[in-house]
Amino acid sequence: MTEDTGPEAMLDACIAAYDAVKKHGTSEMQLAARILLQLVGEQIAQEISPLATDASNENVG
């Protein structure tokens, strides 16, 4: 079974973009890049949370 690398690839791209913007971008661009990283992190956390809940429910009973 292959694992979906989409979220990881998206995170890697956002981190790379943030590094470039941090060095060369305006403060507004830096804020936008930080917000994007936050949103990506939240999305990944939402995708992981149901998996963690499912795993803990398997141990009950």
Protein backbone atom coordinates (compact mmCIF):
# COMPACT_ATOMS: atom_id res chain seq x y z
CA MET A 1 0.00 0.00 0.00
CA THR A 2 1.44 3.39 -0.97
CA GLU A 3 1.17 6.33 1.36
CA ASP A 4 -0.23 9.65 0.11
CA THR A 5 2.70 12.07 -0.07
CA GLY A 6 0.53 15.04 -1.10
CA PRO A 7 0.38 16.70 2.33
CA GLU A 8 4.09 16.15 2.92
CA ALA A 9 4.98 17.55 -0.51
CA MET A 10 2.72 20.54 0.12
CA LEU A 11 4.39 21.17 3.48
CA ASP A 12 7.88 20.90 1.99
CA ALA A 13 6.95 23.38 -0.76
CA CYS A 14 5.49 25.82 1.77
CA ILE A 15 8.60 25.62 3.96
CA ALA A 16 10.83 26.27 0.94
CA ALA A 17 8.68 29.21 -0.11
CA TYR A 18 8.71 30.58 3.43
CA ASP A 19 12.52 30.41 3.55
CA ALA A 20 12.77 32.40 0.32
CA VAL A 21 10.15 34.95 1.39
CA LYS A 22 11.80 35.33 4.80
CA LYS A 23 15.05 36.34 3.07
CA HIS A 24 13.72 38.48 0.24
CA GLY A 25 10.05 39.28 0.81
CA THR A 26 8.25 42.20 2.35
CA SER A 27 6.78 41.95 5.83
CA GLU A 28 3.36 41.44 4.24
CA MET A 29 4.70 38.55 2.16
CA GLN A 30 6.31 37.04 5.26
CA LEU A 31 2.99 37.23 7.10
CA ALA A 32 1.19 35.56 4.20
CA ALA A 33 3.80 32.77 4.12
CA ARG A 34 3.44 32.21 7.89
CA ILE A 35 -0.34 32.08 7.57
CA LEU A 36 -0.03 29.54 4.75
CA LEU A 37 2.26 27.36 6.88
CA GLN A 38 -0.23 27.57 9.74
CA LEU A 39 -3.11 26.52 7.49
CA VAL A 40 -1.13 23.62 6.04
CA GLY A 41 -0.23 22.46 9.55
CA GLU A 42 -3.85 22.64 10.65
CA GLN A 43 -4.98 20.63 7.63
CA ILE A 44 -2.38 17.94 8.27
CA ALA A 45 -3.35 17.82 11.94
CA GLN A 46 -7.01 17.34 10.99
CA GLU A 47 -6.06 14.48 8.68
CA ILE A 48 -3.94 12.83 11.38
CA SER A 49 -6.41 13.29 14.26
CA PRO A 50 -9.04 10.84 12.97
CA LEU A 51 -6.30 8.25 12.44
CA ALA A 52 -5.08 8.66 16.02
CA THR A 53 -8.63 8.45 17.35
CA ASP A 54 -9.31 5.30 15.34
CA ALA A 55 -6.14 3.67 16.65
CA SER A 56 -6.97 4.48 20.27
CA ASN A 57 -10.53 3.17 19.83
CA GLU A 58 -9.17 -0.17 18.64
CA ASN A 59 -7.52 -0.68 22.03
CA VAL A 60 -10.81 -0.18 23.91
CA GLY A 61 -13.08 -3.06 24.65
